Amino acid sequence: MDHLGLYANQLLQGAWITVQLAVCSLALGMVLGLLLAAGSLSQRPLLRRGVMLWTAVLRGIPEFLIVLVCYFGLSNVINTHFDGAIDLSPFAAGVFALALVFSAYAAEVFRGSFAAIPKGQIEAAQSLGLRPAQTFFAVRLPQAWRIALPSLGNLWQSLLKDTSLVSVVGLEDLLKKANMAGQATHQPFVFLLAAAAVYFVFLHASQPVQRWLEQRAGAGFGPAAA
């Protein structure tokens, strides 16, 4: 246990990297998920089928492989076309890879949420003379957000745990720091157990935030809808 105190700062630094990685991936994945959901609901068959194929491919490939492809594959493309002028960091590759995975699942959540909105809501907005953009942001998105939140919360928990995969490409996140400390002290079990405890704390600390978001989004819809 004395070794934990010696490496506590390094573990905290790794934990902070993990949080940044998860939050950035969540933000980008949410935007990409909305765009993919819009494509899957498009009236254009070619676009709709292309989005469905893309999300099916992303959901069918292990996250570990996507991380490796994004880091090594994109690095190779950048070096080939930009002569190494752009340096792809493990953090950037990790954010991109995790966001892609998150977006594939979030797209299905958003698609189902938009489809669950009663058509009468859209017709009422049109009768009030709202433009399509106004209808989307004032009527469709708030209701879809309320419906999607529970499922998005589950995806967030999976995303937070998947951040550990990025350590394989050199990112010194929580798991990487724990492995380094375990190798230096020859006590890997102690530090891996400490890392597991930190992940557990992160997951449970996010649950009150999710409940608050669900309560806020469900305000005005009654207990059954909240």
C-alpha atoms as a PDB file:
ATOM      1  CA  MET A   1       0.000   0.000   0.000  1.00  0.00           C
ATOM      2  CA  ASP A   2       2.964   2.315   0.509  1.00  0.00           C
ATOM      3  CA  HIS A   3       3.618   2.153  -3.228  1.00  0.00           C
ATOM      4  CA  LEU A   4       0.157   3.569  -3.914  1.00  0.00           C
ATOM      5  CA  GLY A   5       1.086   6.734  -2.058  1.00  0.00           C
ATOM      6  CA  LEU A   6       4.285   7.088  -4.063  1.00  0.00           C
ATOM      7  CA  TYR A   7       2.467   6.765  -7.376  1.00  0.00           C
ATOM      8  CA  ALA A   8      -0.752   8.545  -6.388  1.00  0.00           C
ATOM      9  CA  ASN A   9       0.069  11.679  -8.413  1.00  0.00           C
ATOM     10  CA  GLN A  10       0.735   9.639 -11.538  1.00  0.00           C
ATOM     11  CA  LEU A  11      -2.510   7.757 -11.110  1.00  0.00           C
ATOM     12  CA  LEU A  12      -4.377  11.033 -10.682  1.00  0.00           C
ATOM     13  CA  GLN A  13      -2.767  12.407 -13.837  1.00  0.00           C
ATOM     14  CA  GLY A  14      -3.841   9.287 -15.708  1.00  0.00           C
ATOM     15  CA  ALA A  15      -7.357   9.561 -14.283  1.00  0.00           C
ATOM     16  CA  TRP A  16      -7.582  13.176 -15.499  1.00  0.00           C
ATOM     17  CA  ILE A  17      -6.518  12.092 -19.006  1.00  0.00           C
ATOM     18  CA  THR A  18      -9.179   9.393 -18.902  1.00  0.00           C
ATOM     19  CA  VAL A  19     -11.882  11.925 -18.003  1.00  0.00           C
ATOM     20  CA  GLN A  20     -10.793  14.291 -20.779  1.00  0.00           C
ATOM     21  CA  LEU A  21     -10.739  11.445 -23.280  1.00  0.00           C
ATOM     22  CA  ALA A  22     -14.221  10.290 -22.299  1.00  0.00           C
ATOM     23  CA  VAL A  23     -15.784  13.763 -22.328  1.00  0.00           C
ATOM     24  CA  CYS A  24     -14.252  14.746 -25.680  1.00  0.00           C
ATOM     25  CA  SER A  25     -15.314  11.435 -27.226  1.00  0.00           C
ATOM     26  CA  LEU A  26     -18.821  11.904 -25.845  1.00  0.00           C
ATOM     27  CA  ALA A  27     -19.159  15.392 -27.311  1.00  0.00           C
ATOM     28  CA  LEU A  28     -17.898  14.409 -30.759  1.00  0.00           C
ATOM     29  CA  GLY A  29     -19.785  11.118 -30.732  1.00  0.00           C
ATOM     30  CA  MET A  30     -23.030  12.878 -29.844  1.00  0.00           C
ATOM     31  CA  VAL A  31     -22.721  15.242 -32.813  1.00  0.00           C
ATOM     32  CA  LEU A  32     -21.815  12.415 -35.181  1.00  0.00           C
ATOM     33  CA  GLY A  33     -24.654  10.316 -33.801  1.00  0.00           C
ATOM     34  CA  LEU A  34     -27.189  13.055 -34.518  1.00  0.00           C
ATOM     35  CA  LEU A  35     -25.874  13.435 -38.057  1.00  0.00           C
ATOM     36  CA  LEU A  36     -26.043   9.696 -38.650  1.00  0.00           C
ATOM     37  CA  ALA A  37     -29.557   9.578 -37.202  1.00  0.00           C
ATOM     38  CA  ALA A  38     -30.604  12.355 -39.565  1.00  0.00           C
ATOM     39  CA  GLY A  39     -29.151  10.362 -42.455  1.00  0.00           C
ATOM     40  CA  SER A  40     -30.950   7.175 -41.397  1.00  0.00           C
ATOM     41  CA  LEU A  41     -34.253   9.100 -41.342  1.00  0.00           C
ATOM     42  CA  SER A  42     -33.586  10.762 -44.690  1.00  0.00           C
ATOM     43  CA  GLN A  43     -36.064  10.460 -47.539  1.00  0.00           C
ATOM     44  CA  ARG A  44     -33.157   9.624 -49.849  1.00  0.00           C
ATOM     45  CA  PRO A  45     -32.811   5.820 -50.064  1.00  0.00           C
ATOM     46  CA  LEU A  46     -29.123   5.909 -51.035  1.00  0.00           C
ATOM     47  CA  LEU A  47     -28.169   8.076 -48.060  1.00  0.00           C
ATOM     48  CA  ARG A  48     -30.341   6.076 -45.689  1.00  0.00           C
ATOM     49  CA  ARG A  49     -28.844   2.751 -46.792  1.00  0.00           C
ATOM     50  CA  GLY A  50     -25.315   4.132 -46.684  1.00  0.00           C
ATOM     51  CA  VAL A  51     -25.745   5.304 -43.098  1.00  0.00           C
ATOM     52  CA  MET A  52     -27.292   2.007 -42.053  1.00  0.00           C
ATOM     53  CA  LEU A  53     -24.372   0.107 -43.604  1.00  0.00           C
ATOM     54  CA  TRP A  54     -21.812   2.385 -41.941  1.00  0.00           C
ATOM     55  CA  THR A  55     -23.322   2.032 -38.482  1.00  0.00           C
ATOM     56  CA  ALA A  56     -23.657  -1.732 -38.922  1.00  0.00           C
ATOM     57  CA  VAL A  57     -19.962  -1.977 -39.808  1.00  0.00           C
ATOM     58  CA  LEU A  58     -18.907   0.102 -36.807  1.00  0.00           C
ATOM     59  CA  ARG A  59     -21.067  -1.934 -34.438  1.00  0.00           C
ATOM     60  CA  GLY A  60     -19.746  -5.185 -35.887  1.00  0.00           C
ATOM     61  CA  ILE A  61     -16.030  -4.420 -35.437  1.00  0.00           C
ATOM     62  CA  PRO A  62     -14.398  -4.727 -31.990  1.00  0.00           C
ATOM     63  CA  GLU A  63     -13.592  -1.366 -30.430  1.00  0.00           C
ATOM     64  CA  PHE A  64      -9.993  -2.479 -29.930  1.00  0.00           C
ATOM     65  CA  LEU A  65      -9.513  -2.872 -33.696  1.00  0.00           C
ATOM     66  CA  ILE A  66     -11.108   0.497 -34.399  1.00  0.00           C
ATOM     67  CA  VAL A  67      -8.649   2.176 -32.030  1.00  0.00           C
ATOM     68  CA  LEU A  68      -5.710   0.490 -33.760  1.00  0.00           C
ATOM     69  CA  VAL A  69      -6.989   1.312 -37.249  1.00  0.00           C
ATOM     70  CA  CYS A  70      -7.634   4.955 -36.360  1.00  0.00           C
ATOM     71  CA  TYR A  71      -4.196   5.428 -34.822  1.00  0.00           C
ATOM     72  CA  PHE A  72      -1.953   3.477 -37.177  1.00  0.00           C
ATOM     73  CA  GLY A  73      -4.125   3.836 -40.275  1.00  0.00           C
ATOM     74  CA  LEU A  74      -4.689   7.573 -39.970  1.00  0.00           C
ATOM     75  CA  SER A  75      -1.044   8.126 -39.056  1.00  0.00           C
ATOM     76  CA  ASN A  76      -0.032   6.333 -42.244  1.00  0.00           C
ATOM     77  CA  VAL A  77      -2.455   8.382 -44.352  1.00  0.00           C
ATOM     78  CA  ILE A  78      -1.241  11.634 -42.804  1.00  0.00           C
ATOM     79  CA  ASN A  79       2.410  10.751 -43.297  1.00  0.00           C
ATOM     80  CA  THR A  80       1.733   9.755 -46.903  1.00  0.00           C
ATOM     81  CA  HIS A  81      -0.246  12.820 -47.955  1.00  0.00           C
ATOM     82  CA  PHE A  82       1.124  15.529 -45.649  1.00  0.00           C
ATOM     83  CA  ASP A  83       4.758  14.410 -45.315  1.00  0.00           C
ATOM     84  CA  GLY A  84       4.410  14.167 -41.552  1.00  0.00           C
ATOM     85  CA  ALA A  85       3.417  17.838 -41.207  1.00  0.00           C
ATOM     86  CA  ILE A  86       0.511  16.819 -38.979  1.00  0.00           C
ATOM     87  CA  ASP A  87       1.236  14.715 -35.917  1.00  0.00           C
ATOM     88  CA  LEU A  88      -1.635  12.480 -34.831  1.00  0.00           C
ATOM     89  CA  SER A  89      -1.389  12.061 -31.086  1.00  0.00           C
ATOM     90  CA  PRO A  90      -2.696   8.991 -29.258  1.00  0.00           C
ATOM     91  CA  PHE A  91      -5.233  11.257 -27.546  1.00  0.00           C
ATOM     92  CA  ALA A  92      -6.628  12.592 -30.838  1.00  0.00           C
ATOM     93  CA  ALA A  93      -6.751   9.116 -32.354  1.00  0.00           C
ATOM     94  CA  GLY A  94      -8.460   7.799 -29.236  1.00  0.00           C
ATOM     95  CA  VAL A  95     -11.093  10.523 -29.268  1.00  0.00           C
ATOM     96  CA  PHE A  96     -11.811   9.914 -32.947  1.00  0.00           C
ATOM     97  CA  ALA A  97     -12.012   6.135 -32.549  1.00  0.00           C
ATOM     98  CA  LEU A  98     -14.208   6.173 -29.454  1.00  0.00           C
ATOM     99  CA  ALA A  99     -16.429   8.867 -30.957  1.00  0.00           C
ATOM    100  CA  LEU A 100     -16.961   6.715 -34.045  1.00  0.00           C
ATOM    101  CA  VAL A 101     -18.003   3.757 -31.926  1.00  0.00           C
ATOM    102  CA  PHE A 102     -20.249   5.877 -29.727  1.00  0.00           C
ATOM    103  CA  SER A 103     -21.880   7.554 -32.723  1.00  0.00           C
ATOM    104  CA  ALA A 104     -22.820   4.222 -34.300  1.00  0.00           C
ATOM    105  CA  TYR A 105     -24.818   3.222 -31.242  1.00  0.00           C
ATOM    106  CA  ALA A 106     -26.081   6.727 -30.481  1.00  0.00           C
ATOM    107  CA  ALA A 107     -27.406   7.014 -34.035  1.00  0.00           C
ATOM    108  CA  GLU A 108     -29.749   4.091 -33.429  1.00  0.00           C
ATOM    109  CA  VAL A 109     -30.837   5.580 -30.107  1.00  0.00           C
ATOM    110  CA  PHE A 110     -31.582   8.958 -31.687  1.00  0.00           C
ATOM    111  CA  ARG A 111     -33.295   7.356 -34.678  1.00  0.00           C
ATOM    112  CA  GLY A 112     -35.667   5.466 -32.407  1.00  0.00           C
ATOM    113  CA  SER A 113     -36.228   8.556 -30.278  1.00  0.00           C
ATOM    114  CA  PHE A 114     -37.139  10.754 -33.243  1.00  0.00           C
ATOM    115  CA  ALA A 115     -39.409   8.034 -34.597  1.00  0.00           C
ATOM    116  CA  ALA A 116     -41.197   7.823 -31.224  1.00  0.00           C
ATOM    117  CA  ILE A 117     -42.297  11.476 -31.341  1.00  0.00           C
ATOM    118  CA  PRO A 118     -46.036  11.660 -32.147  1.00  0.00           C
ATOM    119  CA  LYS A 119     -46.700  13.016 -35.625  1.00  0.00           C
ATOM    120  CA  GLY A 120     -49.239  15.374 -34.120  1.00  0.00           C
ATOM    121  CA  GLN A 121     -46.389  17.315 -32.495  1.00  0.00           C
ATOM    122  CA  ILE A 122     -44.807  17.974 -35.877  1.00  0.00           C
ATOM    123  CA  GLU A 123     -48.138  18.849 -37.469  1.00  0.00           C
ATOM    124  CA  ALA A 124     -48.875  21.283 -34.640  1.00  0.00           C
ATOM    125  CA  ALA A 125     -45.514  22.982 -35.164  1.00  0.00           C
ATOM    126  CA  GLN A 126     -46.191  23.261 -38.896  1.00  0.00           C
ATOM    127  CA  SER A 127     -49.639  24.713 -38.263  1.00  0.00           C
ATOM    128  CA  LEU A 128     -48.003  27.392 -36.122  1.00  0.00           C
ATOM    129  CA  GLY A 129     -45.828  28.362 -39.068  1.00  0.00           C
ATOM    130  CA  LEU A 130     -42.531  27.146 -37.620  1.00  0.00           C
ATOM    131  CA  ARG A 131     -39.756  26.627 -40.120  1.00  0.00           C
ATOM    132  CA  PRO A 132     -38.106  23.174 -40.329  1.00  0.00           C
ATOM    133  CA  ALA A 133     -35.096  24.341 -38.333  1.00  0.00           C
ATOM    134  CA  GLN A 134     -37.330  25.845 -35.650  1.00  0.00           C
ATOM    135  CA  THR A 135     -39.411  22.674 -35.523  1.00  0.00           C
ATOM    136  CA  PHE A 136     -36.297  20.570 -35.091  1.00  0.00           C
ATOM    137  CA  PHE A 137     -34.715  22.572 -32.274  1.00  0.00           C
ATOM    138  CA  ALA A 138     -37.905  23.608 -30.475  1.00  0.00           C
ATOM    139  CA  VAL A 139     -40.071  20.501 -30.863  1.00  0.00           C
ATOM    140  CA  ARG A 140     -38.287  17.406 -32.153  1.00  0.00           C
ATOM    141  CA  LEU A 141     -34.882  17.592 -30.480  1.00  0.00           C
ATOM    142  CA  PRO A 142     -36.105  18.305 -26.898  1.00  0.00           C
ATOM    143  CA  GLN A 143     -38.565  15.393 -27.032  1.00  0.00           C
ATOM    144  CA  ALA A 144     -36.071  13.031 -28.645  1.00  0.00           C
ATOM    145  CA  TRP A 145     -33.466  14.036 -26.064  1.00  0.00           C
ATOM    146  CA  ARG A 146     -35.847  13.113 -23.229  1.00  0.00           C
ATOM    147  CA  ILE A 147     -36.552   9.711 -24.756  1.00  0.00           C
ATOM    148  CA  ALA A 148     -32.898   8.998 -25.591  1.00  0.00           C
ATOM    149  CA  LEU A 149     -31.315   9.977 -22.277  1.00  0.00           C
ATOM    150  CA  PRO A 150     -31.590   6.620 -20.447  1.00  0.00           C
ATOM    151  CA  SER A 151     -29.992   4.763 -23.353  1.00  0.00           C
ATOM    152  CA  LEU A 152     -27.358   7.449 -23.819  1.00  0.00           C
ATOM    153  CA  GLY A 153     -26.481   7.069 -20.151  1.00  0.00           C
ATOM    154  CA  ASN A 154     -25.752   3.389 -20.741  1.00  0.00           C
ATOM    155  CA  LEU A 155     -23.628   4.262 -23.764  1.00  0.00           C
ATOM    156  CA  TRP A 156     -21.691   6.770 -21.650  1.00  0.00           C
ATOM    157  CA  GLN A 157     -20.848   4.072 -19.128  1.00  0.00           C
ATOM    158  CA  SER A 158     -19.572   1.812 -21.910  1.00  0.00           C
ATOM    159  CA  LEU A 159     -17.589   4.690 -23.380  1.00  0.00           C
ATOM    160  CA  LEU A 160     -15.949   5.478 -20.064  1.00  0.00           C
ATOM    161  CA  LYS A 161     -14.772   1.887 -19.722  1.00  0.00           C
ATOM    162  CA  ASP A 162     -13.657   1.713 -23.369  1.00  0.00           C
ATOM    163  CA  THR A 163     -11.199   4.567 -22.776  1.00  0.00           C
ATOM    164  CA  SER A 164      -8.876   1.949 -21.292  1.00  0.00           C
ATOM    165  CA  LEU A 165      -8.370   0.556 -24.815  1.00  0.00           C
ATOM    166  CA  VAL A 166      -6.478   3.672 -25.920  1.00  0.00           C
ATOM    167  CA  SER A 167      -3.585   2.823 -23.611  1.00  0.00           C
ATOM    168  CA  VAL A 168      -2.409   0.290 -26.213  1.00  0.00           C
ATOM    169  CA  VAL A 169      -1.356   3.119 -28.565  1.00  0.00           C
ATOM    170  CA  GLY A 170       0.716   4.885 -25.911  1.00  0.00           C
ATOM    171  CA  LEU A 171      -1.751   7.243 -24.238  1.00  0.00           C
ATOM    172  CA  GLU A 172      -0.804   7.561 -20.580  1.00  0.00           C
ATOM    173  CA  ASP A 173      -4.299   7.291 -19.213  1.00  0.00           C
ATOM    174  CA  LEU A 174      -5.338   5.684 -15.947  1.00  0.00           C
ATOM    175  CA  LEU A 175      -4.747   2.106 -17.090  1.00  0.00           C
ATOM    176  CA  LYS A 176      -1.386   2.944 -18.669  1.00  0.00           C
ATOM    177  CA  LYS A 177      -0.196   4.686 -15.510  1.00  0.00           C
ATOM    178  CA  ALA A 178      -1.359   1.741 -13.403  1.00  0.00           C
ATOM    179  CA  ASN A 179       0.511  -0.704 -15.634  1.00  0.00           C
ATOM    180  CA  MET A 180       3.669   1.410 -15.494  1.00  0.00           C
ATOM    181  CA  ALA A 181       3.500   1.649 -11.715  1.00  0.00           C
ATOM    182  CA  GLY A 182       2.816  -2.073 -11.408  1.00  0.00           C
ATOM    183  CA  GLN A 183       5.830  -2.945 -13.527  1.00  0.00           C
ATOM    184  CA  ALA A 184       8.090  -0.571 -11.609  1.00  0.00           C
ATOM    185  CA  THR A 185       7.064  -1.919  -8.203  1.00  0.00           C
ATOM    186  CA  HIS A 186       6.411  -5.530  -9.275  1.00  0.00           C
ATOM    187  CA  GLN A 187       2.930  -5.222  -7.744  1.00  0.00           C
ATOM    188  CA  PRO A 188       0.633  -5.106 -10.792  1.00  0.00           C
ATOM    189  CA  PHE A 189      -2.377  -6.472  -8.913  1.00  0.00           C
ATOM    190  CA  VAL A 190      -2.347  -3.573  -6.420  1.00  0.00           C
ATOM    191  CA  PHE A 191      -2.301  -0.879  -9.088  1.00  0.00           C
ATOM    192  CA  LEU A 192      -4.748  -2.604 -11.413  1.00  0.00           C
ATOM    193  CA  LEU A 193      -7.118  -2.955  -8.474  1.00  0.00           C
ATOM    194  CA  ALA A 194      -6.651   0.757  -7.741  1.00  0.00           C
ATOM    195  CA  ALA A 195      -7.426   1.596 -11.382  1.00  0.00           C
ATOM    196  CA  ALA A 196     -10.559  -0.573 -11.238  1.00  0.00           C
ATOM    197  CA  ALA A 197     -11.674   1.307  -8.120  1.00  0.00           C
ATOM    198  CA  VAL A 198     -11.218   4.642  -9.891  1.00  0.00           C
ATOM    199  CA  TYR A 199     -13.280   3.503 -12.871  1.00  0.00           C
ATOM    200  CA  PHE A 200     -15.957   2.313 -10.442  1.00  0.00           C
ATOM    201  CA  VAL A 201     -16.003   5.732  -8.757  1.00  0.00           C
ATOM    202  CA  PHE A 202     -16.236   7.521 -12.110  1.00  0.00           C
ATOM    203  CA  LEU A 203     -19.181   5.391 -13.203  1.00  0.00           C
ATOM    204  CA  HIS A 204     -21.129   5.890  -9.993  1.00  0.00           C
ATOM    205  CA  ALA A 205     -20.296   9.600  -9.837  1.00  0.00           C
ATOM    206  CA  SER A 206     -21.901  10.051 -13.262  1.00  0.00           C
ATOM    207  CA  GLN A 207     -25.197   8.465 -12.228  1.00  0.00           C
ATOM    208  CA  PRO A 208     -26.498  11.483 -10.248  1.00  0.00           C
ATOM    209  CA  VAL A 209     -25.691  13.670 -13.261  1.00  0.00           C
ATOM    210  CA  GLN A 210     -27.678  11.366 -15.509  1.00  0.00           C
ATOM    211  CA  ARG A 211     -30.648  11.350 -13.121  1.00  0.00           C
ATOM    212  CA  TRP A 212     -30.560  15.146 -12.965  1.00  0.00           C
ATOM    213  CA  LEU A 213     -30.523  15.387 -16.760  1.00  0.00           C
ATOM    214  CA  GLU A 214     -33.451  12.967 -17.017  1.00  0.00           C
ATOM    215  CA  GLN A 215     -35.461  14.900 -14.440  1.00  0.00           C
ATOM    216  CA  ARG A 216     -34.718  18.190 -16.168  1.00  0.00           C
ATOM    217  CA  ALA A 217     -35.583  16.843 -19.617  1.00  0.00           C
ATOM    218  CA  GLY A 218     -38.773  15.239 -18.269  1.00  0.00           C
ATOM    219  CA  ALA A 219     -40.033  18.384 -16.533  1.00  0.00           C
ATOM    220  CA  GLY A 220     -43.596  19.051 -17.617  1.00  0.00           C
ATOM    221  CA  PHE A 221     -44.211  15.561 -18.952  1.00  0.00           C
ATOM    222  CA  GLY A 222     -45.484  14.057 -15.700  1.00  0.00           C
ATOM    223  CA  PRO A 223     -44.047  11.237 -13.560  1.00  0.00           C
ATOM    224  CA  ALA A 224     -44.628   8.581 -16.168  1.00  0.00           C
ATOM    225  CA  ALA A 225     -42.717  10.477 -18.842  1.00  0.00           C
ATOM    226  CA  ALA A 226     -39.898  11.606 -16.574  1.00  0.00           C
END
